[in-house]
N, C-alpha and C. Protein backbone atom coordinates (compact mmCIF):
# COMPACT_ATOMS: atom_id res chain seq x y z
N UNK A 1 -54.90 86.69 181.13
CA UNK A 1 -55.30 86.75 179.88
C UNK A 1 -56.56 85.98 180.25
N UNK A 2 -57.93 86.50 180.03
CA UNK A 2 -59.17 85.69 179.81
C UNK A 2 -58.83 84.55 178.99
N UNK A 3 -59.51 83.51 179.17
CA UNK A 3 -59.76 82.34 178.16
C UNK A 3 -61.12 82.36 178.07
N UNK A 4 -61.29 81.71 176.41
CA UNK A 4 -62.81 81.65 176.32
C UNK A 4 -63.27 80.46 177.09
N UNK A 5 -64.07 79.60 175.78
CA UNK A 5 -64.62 78.56 176.46
C UNK A 5 -65.64 78.92 177.22
N UNK A 6 -65.65 78.29 178.63
CA UNK A 6 -66.70 78.25 179.44
C UNK A 6 -66.65 79.65 179.97
N UNK A 7 -65.95 80.28 180.00
CA UNK A 7 -66.25 81.77 180.62
C UNK A 7 -67.25 82.70 179.38
N UNK A 8 -67.27 82.21 178.21
CA UNK A 8 -68.63 82.77 177.45
C UNK A 8 -69.86 82.17 177.25
N UNK A 9 -69.52 80.78 177.47
CA UNK A 9 -70.54 79.75 176.75
C UNK A 9 -71.46 79.86 178.49
N UNK A 10 -71.19 80.00 179.60
CA UNK A 10 -72.19 79.64 180.92
C UNK A 10 -73.18 81.01 180.55
N UNK A 11 -72.44 82.41 180.36
CA UNK A 11 -73.70 83.48 180.24
C UNK A 11 -74.37 83.17 179.21
N UNK A 12 -74.13 82.65 178.14
CA UNK A 12 -75.13 82.66 176.95
C UNK A 12 -75.98 81.45 177.20
N UNK A 13 -75.65 80.30 178.10
CA UNK A 13 -76.88 79.56 178.36
C UNK A 13 -77.54 79.76 179.51
N UNK A 14 -77.42 80.86 180.36
CA UNK A 14 -77.98 81.37 181.30
C UNK A 14 -78.92 82.45 180.92
N UNK A 15 -78.37 83.17 179.55
CA UNK A 15 -79.19 83.96 178.66
C UNK A 15 -80.52 83.04 177.99
N UNK A 16 -79.94 82.25 177.68
CA UNK A 16 -81.20 81.29 176.81
C UNK A 16 -82.15 80.77 177.69
N UNK A 17 -81.67 80.57 179.09
CA UNK A 17 -82.40 79.89 180.34
C UNK A 17 -83.27 81.18 180.33
N UNK A 18 -83.11 82.14 180.65
CA UNK A 18 -83.65 83.73 181.18
C UNK A 18 -84.63 83.72 179.99
N UNK A 19 -84.38 83.76 178.90
CA UNK A 19 -85.23 84.02 177.24
C UNK A 19 -86.40 83.50 177.30
N UNK A 20 -86.11 81.72 177.50
CA UNK A 20 -87.04 80.98 177.49
C UNK A 20 -88.05 81.07 178.63
N UNK A 21 -87.62 81.65 179.76
CA UNK A 21 -88.48 81.62 181.06
C UNK A 21 -89.35 82.66 180.66
N UNK A 22 -88.61 83.68 180.18
CA UNK A 22 -89.40 85.01 179.85
C UNK A 22 -90.69 84.49 178.58
N UNK A 23 -90.31 83.90 177.61
CA UNK A 23 -91.35 83.30 176.47
C UNK A 23 -92.33 82.79 177.22
N UNK A 24 -91.88 81.72 178.15
CA UNK A 24 -92.97 81.05 178.69
C UNK A 24 -94.10 81.71 179.82
N UNK A 25 -93.47 82.76 180.02
CA UNK A 25 -94.30 83.69 181.19
C UNK A 25 -95.13 84.73 180.17
N UNK A 26 -94.86 84.99 179.12
CA UNK A 26 -95.41 85.75 178.47
C UNK A 26 -96.46 85.35 177.74
N UNK A 27 -96.41 84.11 176.92
CA UNK A 27 -97.17 83.13 176.77
C UNK A 27 -98.48 82.93 177.68
N UNK A 28 -97.72 82.69 178.91
CA UNK A 28 -98.89 82.71 180.02
C UNK A 28 -99.80 83.67 180.35
N UNK A 29 -98.85 84.82 180.37
CA UNK A 29 -99.85 86.01 180.31
C UNK A 29 -100.86 86.48 179.55
N UNK A 30 -100.29 86.06 178.15
CA UNK A 30 -101.23 86.35 177.02
C UNK A 30 -102.16 85.58 176.78
N UNK A 31 -102.14 84.38 177.40
CA UNK A 31 -103.25 83.47 177.34
C UNK A 31 -104.47 83.67 178.42
N UNK A 32 -103.90 84.22 180.17
CA UNK A 32 -104.86 84.05 180.91
C UNK A 32 -105.11 85.39 181.31
N UNK A 33 -104.48 86.44 181.29
CA UNK A 33 -105.19 87.84 181.69
C UNK A 33 -105.84 88.12 180.56
N UNK A 34 -107.19 88.66 181.32
CA UNK A 34 -108.39 89.03 180.47
C UNK A 34 -107.99 90.84 180.36
N UNK A 35 -107.16 91.76 181.25
CA UNK A 35 -107.33 92.85 181.23
C UNK A 35 -106.66 93.43 180.26
N UNK A 36 -107.29 94.00 178.89
CA UNK A 36 -106.44 93.95 177.75
C UNK A 36 -105.13 95.32 177.59
N UNK A 37 -105.48 96.03 178.53
CA UNK A 37 -104.37 96.97 178.41
C UNK A 37 -103.37 96.86 179.44
N UNK A 38 -103.32 96.06 180.48
CA UNK A 38 -102.55 95.44 181.39
C UNK A 38 -101.91 94.08 180.51
N UNK A 39 -102.48 93.42 180.08
CA UNK A 39 -101.54 92.56 178.76
C UNK A 39 -100.95 93.27 178.09
N UNK A 40 -101.39 93.96 177.05
CA UNK A 40 -100.52 94.72 176.22
C UNK A 40 -99.18 95.47 176.77
N UNK A 41 -99.31 95.72 177.98
CA UNK A 41 -98.07 96.73 178.50
C UNK A 41 -97.21 95.33 179.39
N UNK A 42 -97.58 94.56 179.49
CA UNK A 42 -96.70 93.48 180.43
C UNK A 42 -96.30 92.53 179.43
N UNK A 43 -97.04 92.55 178.19
CA UNK A 43 -96.13 91.73 177.18
C UNK A 43 -95.33 92.47 176.31
N UNK A 44 -95.45 93.69 176.41
CA UNK A 44 -94.47 94.82 175.76
C UNK A 44 -93.47 94.66 176.38
N UNK A 45 -93.48 94.48 177.13
CA UNK A 45 -92.05 94.96 178.47
C UNK A 45 -91.42 93.32 178.20
N UNK A 46 -92.07 92.84 178.71
CA UNK A 46 -91.48 91.26 178.54
C UNK A 46 -90.74 90.99 177.04
N UNK A 47 -91.43 91.00 176.07
CA UNK A 47 -91.00 90.78 175.10
C UNK A 47 -89.59 92.06 174.75
N UNK A 48 -89.49 92.85 175.20
CA UNK A 48 -88.41 94.06 175.18
C UNK A 48 -87.18 93.34 175.49
N UNK A 49 -87.46 92.95 176.91
CA UNK A 49 -86.38 92.17 177.49
C UNK A 49 -85.88 91.07 176.96
N UNK A 50 -86.68 89.96 176.62
CA UNK A 50 -86.30 88.82 175.78
C UNK A 50 -85.62 89.43 174.28
N UNK A 51 -85.66 90.31 173.78
CA UNK A 51 -85.09 90.97 172.33
C UNK A 51 -83.73 91.32 173.20
N UNK A 52 -83.59 92.33 174.27
CA UNK A 52 -82.38 92.57 174.81
C UNK A 52 -81.30 91.52 175.42
N UNK A 53 -82.20 90.31 175.73
CA UNK A 53 -81.22 89.22 176.18
C UNK A 53 -80.61 88.58 175.08
N UNK A 54 -81.36 87.95 173.79
CA UNK A 54 -81.03 87.82 172.41
C UNK A 54 -79.79 88.51 171.93
N UNK A 55 -79.91 90.09 171.67
CA UNK A 55 -79.05 90.85 171.48
C UNK A 55 -77.54 90.64 172.41
N UNK A 56 -77.53 90.56 173.61
CA UNK A 56 -77.02 90.36 174.74
C UNK A 56 -75.94 89.21 174.46
N UNK A 57 -76.69 88.24 174.30
CA UNK A 57 -75.92 86.78 174.10
C UNK A 57 -75.31 86.72 172.70
N UNK A 58 -75.81 87.44 171.14
CA UNK A 58 -75.16 87.56 170.48
C UNK A 58 -73.44 88.34 170.51
N UNK A 59 -73.78 89.59 171.55
CA UNK A 59 -72.79 90.23 171.51
C UNK A 59 -71.32 89.48 172.36
N UNK A 60 -71.90 88.77 173.26
CA UNK A 60 -70.95 87.54 173.95
C UNK A 60 -70.50 87.20 173.19
N UNK A 61 -71.33 86.57 172.34
CA UNK A 61 -71.01 85.48 171.44
C UNK A 61 -69.46 85.69 170.63
N UNK A 62 -69.85 86.92 169.86
CA UNK A 62 -69.12 87.36 169.14
C UNK A 62 -67.69 87.95 169.73
N UNK A 63 -67.78 88.51 171.16
CA UNK A 63 -66.85 88.46 172.06
C UNK A 63 -65.73 87.47 172.10
N UNK A 64 -66.60 86.18 172.62
CA UNK A 64 -66.01 84.98 172.66
C UNK A 64 -65.43 84.57 171.86
N UNK A 65 -65.80 84.46 170.53
CA UNK A 65 -65.31 84.10 169.04
C UNK A 65 -63.67 84.87 168.64
N UNK A 66 -63.90 86.12 168.88
CA UNK A 66 -62.75 86.90 168.57
C UNK A 66 -61.75 86.61 169.52
N UNK A 67 -62.03 86.59 170.96
CA UNK A 67 -60.92 86.02 171.89
C UNK A 67 -60.27 84.53 171.21
N UNK A 68 -61.49 83.60 171.24
CA UNK A 68 -60.99 82.33 170.65
C UNK A 68 -60.01 82.32 169.49
N UNK A 69 -60.50 83.39 168.38
CA UNK A 69 -59.26 83.44 167.27
C UNK A 69 -57.92 83.77 167.44
N UNK A 70 -58.08 85.01 168.72
CA UNK A 70 -56.93 85.24 169.03
C UNK A 70 -56.13 84.48 169.88
N UNK A 71 -56.66 83.66 170.64
CA UNK A 71 -56.00 82.62 171.10
C UNK A 71 -55.38 81.61 170.15
N UNK A 72 -56.12 81.53 168.77
CA UNK A 72 -55.75 80.19 168.06
C UNK A 72 -54.58 81.02 167.13
N UNK A 73 -54.95 82.28 167.23
CA UNK A 73 -53.64 82.86 166.09
C UNK A 73 -52.31 82.87 167.06
N UNK A 74 -52.33 83.02 168.55
CA UNK A 74 -51.54 83.17 169.80
C UNK A 74 -50.64 81.70 169.43
N UNK A 75 -51.25 80.77 169.46
CA UNK A 75 -50.87 79.42 169.48
C UNK A 75 -50.17 79.04 167.94
N UNK A 76 -50.83 79.29 166.80
CA UNK A 76 -50.29 78.93 165.71
C UNK A 76 -48.87 79.78 165.61
N UNK A 77 -48.77 81.06 166.04
CA UNK A 77 -47.52 81.74 166.27
C UNK A 77 -46.71 81.33 166.58
N UNK A 78 -46.77 80.37 168.04
CA UNK A 78 -45.67 79.96 168.84
C UNK A 78 -45.28 78.37 168.41
N UNK A 79 -46.14 78.12 168.01
CA UNK A 79 -45.83 76.49 167.02
C UNK A 79 -45.03 76.81 166.25
N UNK A 80 -43.79 75.80 165.99
CA UNK A 80 -42.95 75.61 164.81
C UNK A 80 -43.83 75.01 163.75
N UNK A 81 -44.32 73.88 163.63
CA UNK A 81 -45.11 73.34 162.94
C UNK A 81 -46.37 72.58 163.79
N UNK A 82 -47.53 72.93 162.61
CA UNK A 82 -48.88 72.63 163.05
C UNK A 82 -49.67 72.34 162.20
N UNK A 83 -50.16 70.75 162.00
CA UNK A 83 -50.94 70.08 161.07
C UNK A 83 -52.23 71.05 160.93
N UNK A 84 -52.50 71.27 159.56
CA UNK A 84 -53.90 72.08 159.41
C UNK A 84 -55.20 71.79 160.10
N UNK A 85 -55.12 70.10 159.98
CA UNK A 85 -56.54 69.90 161.08
C UNK A 85 -56.61 70.58 162.27
N UNK A 86 -55.40 70.75 163.22
CA UNK A 86 -55.56 71.16 164.52
C UNK A 86 -55.82 72.46 164.15
N UNK A 87 -55.55 73.59 163.09
CA UNK A 87 -55.65 74.83 163.24
C UNK A 87 -57.34 75.00 162.81
N UNK A 88 -58.14 74.10 161.76
CA UNK A 88 -59.03 74.29 161.48
C UNK A 88 -60.21 73.61 162.54
N UNK A 89 -59.68 73.02 163.66
CA UNK A 89 -60.49 72.47 164.74
C UNK A 89 -60.63 73.59 165.49
N UNK A 90 -59.39 74.24 165.86
CA UNK A 90 -59.28 75.57 166.67
C UNK A 90 -60.49 76.53 166.35
N UNK A 91 -60.36 76.79 164.87
CA UNK A 91 -61.38 77.99 164.26
C UNK A 91 -62.87 77.69 164.36
N UNK A 92 -62.57 76.38 164.18
CA UNK A 92 -64.43 76.04 164.54
C UNK A 92 -64.63 76.08 165.96
N UNK A 93 -63.89 75.67 166.66
CA UNK A 93 -64.13 75.51 168.24
C UNK A 93 -64.75 77.16 168.16
N UNK A 94 -63.75 78.33 167.75
CA UNK A 94 -64.09 79.68 168.29
C UNK A 94 -65.25 80.04 167.85
N UNK A 95 -65.90 79.44 166.70
CA UNK A 95 -67.27 80.04 166.38
C UNK A 95 -68.38 79.71 167.12
N UNK A 96 -68.36 78.55 167.88
CA UNK A 96 -69.25 78.09 168.70
C UNK A 96 -70.25 79.14 169.57
N UNK A 97 -69.80 79.88 170.35
CA UNK A 97 -70.22 80.91 171.06
C UNK A 97 -70.87 81.86 170.24
N UNK A 98 -70.75 82.29 169.05
CA UNK A 98 -71.35 83.18 168.04
C UNK A 98 -72.50 82.43 167.77
N UNK A 99 -72.26 81.37 167.15
CA UNK A 99 -73.54 80.76 166.95
C UNK A 99 -74.85 80.44 167.83
N UNK A 100 -74.34 79.87 168.84
CA UNK A 100 -75.17 80.14 170.01
C UNK A 100 -75.99 81.43 170.18
N UNK A 101 -75.06 82.36 170.52
CA UNK A 101 -75.60 83.65 170.54
C UNK A 101 -76.53 84.09 169.31
N UNK A 102 -76.30 83.92 168.31
CA UNK A 102 -77.13 84.14 167.21
C UNK A 102 -78.53 83.49 167.08
N UNK A 103 -78.45 82.40 167.62
CA UNK A 103 -79.67 81.38 167.48
C UNK A 103 -80.55 81.88 168.28
N UNK A 104 -80.16 82.58 169.85
CA UNK A 104 -80.99 83.20 170.78
C UNK A 104 -81.59 84.61 170.11
N UNK A 105 -80.32 85.16 169.28
CA UNK A 105 -81.03 86.42 168.88
C UNK A 105 -82.35 86.21 168.22
N UNK A 106 -81.92 85.70 166.93
CA UNK A 106 -83.05 84.95 165.86
C UNK A 106 -84.36 84.78 166.96
N UNK A 107 -84.28 83.46 167.49
CA UNK A 107 -85.57 83.16 168.25
C UNK A 107 -86.14 84.46 169.17
N UNK A 108 -85.26 85.13 169.84
CA UNK A 108 -86.11 86.24 170.41
C UNK A 108 -86.24 87.37 169.95
N UNK A 109 -85.73 87.69 168.85
CA UNK A 109 -86.62 88.48 167.84
C UNK A 109 -87.81 88.11 167.10
N UNK A 110 -88.03 86.76 166.45
CA UNK A 110 -89.04 86.08 166.00
C UNK A 110 -90.22 86.56 167.21
N UNK A 111 -90.10 86.11 168.42
CA UNK A 111 -90.86 86.18 169.52
C UNK A 111 -91.13 87.18 169.63
N UNK A 112 -90.33 88.31 169.62
CA UNK A 112 -90.65 89.85 169.89
C UNK A 112 -91.75 90.17 169.00
N UNK A 113 -91.32 89.84 167.47
CA UNK A 113 -92.14 90.17 166.72
C UNK A 113 -93.38 89.56 166.43
N UNK A 114 -93.65 88.28 166.73
CA UNK A 114 -94.99 87.75 166.77
C UNK A 114 -95.77 88.33 168.06
N UNK A 115 -95.04 88.48 169.04
CA UNK A 115 -96.14 89.29 170.06
C UNK A 115 -96.24 91.01 170.00
N UNK A 116 -95.49 91.29 169.03
CA UNK A 116 -95.54 92.84 168.77
C UNK A 116 -96.91 92.80 167.82
N UNK A 117 -96.98 91.61 166.90
CA UNK A 117 -98.24 92.10 166.10
C UNK A 117 -99.23 91.50 166.89
N UNK A 118 -99.36 90.60 167.50
CA UNK A 118 -99.94 90.33 168.56
C UNK A 118 -100.83 91.41 169.41
N UNK A 119 -99.99 92.23 169.86
CA UNK A 119 -100.27 93.14 170.85
C UNK A 119 -101.16 94.24 170.36
N UNK A 120 -100.82 94.32 169.14
CA UNK A 120 -101.68 95.49 168.32
C UNK A 120 -102.73 95.03 167.84
N UNK A 121 -103.03 93.70 168.00
CA UNK A 121 -104.46 93.28 167.83
C UNK A 121 -105.32 92.93 169.07
N UNK A 122 -104.58 93.40 170.10
CA UNK A 122 -105.45 93.25 171.71
C UNK A 122 -106.66 94.09 171.81
């Protein structure tokens, strides 16, 4: 059985790194390239890739949370008695991948939206 935690957070962190790198590259391209047609094409492509990374991170986060909830329910089912604090901690930890993925999705959407508006004014 696949376990959550590191198996889901490492890809999300790598997507964060990739998206931030793309955002920095896109900003530098927007500032330093003078050819308007080329600038618009490159910014469009990179902003779409950054938005894809955000969407993919969110999907990985949701998958990690679903698996975490499944594992928590499995442990609760097998235990004879379980304090509610331990159950709450398990459910709280299961939501972490979704929060990180959602944060990247929001960031990449905002960057995509900003550069889309700027691209129309190039």
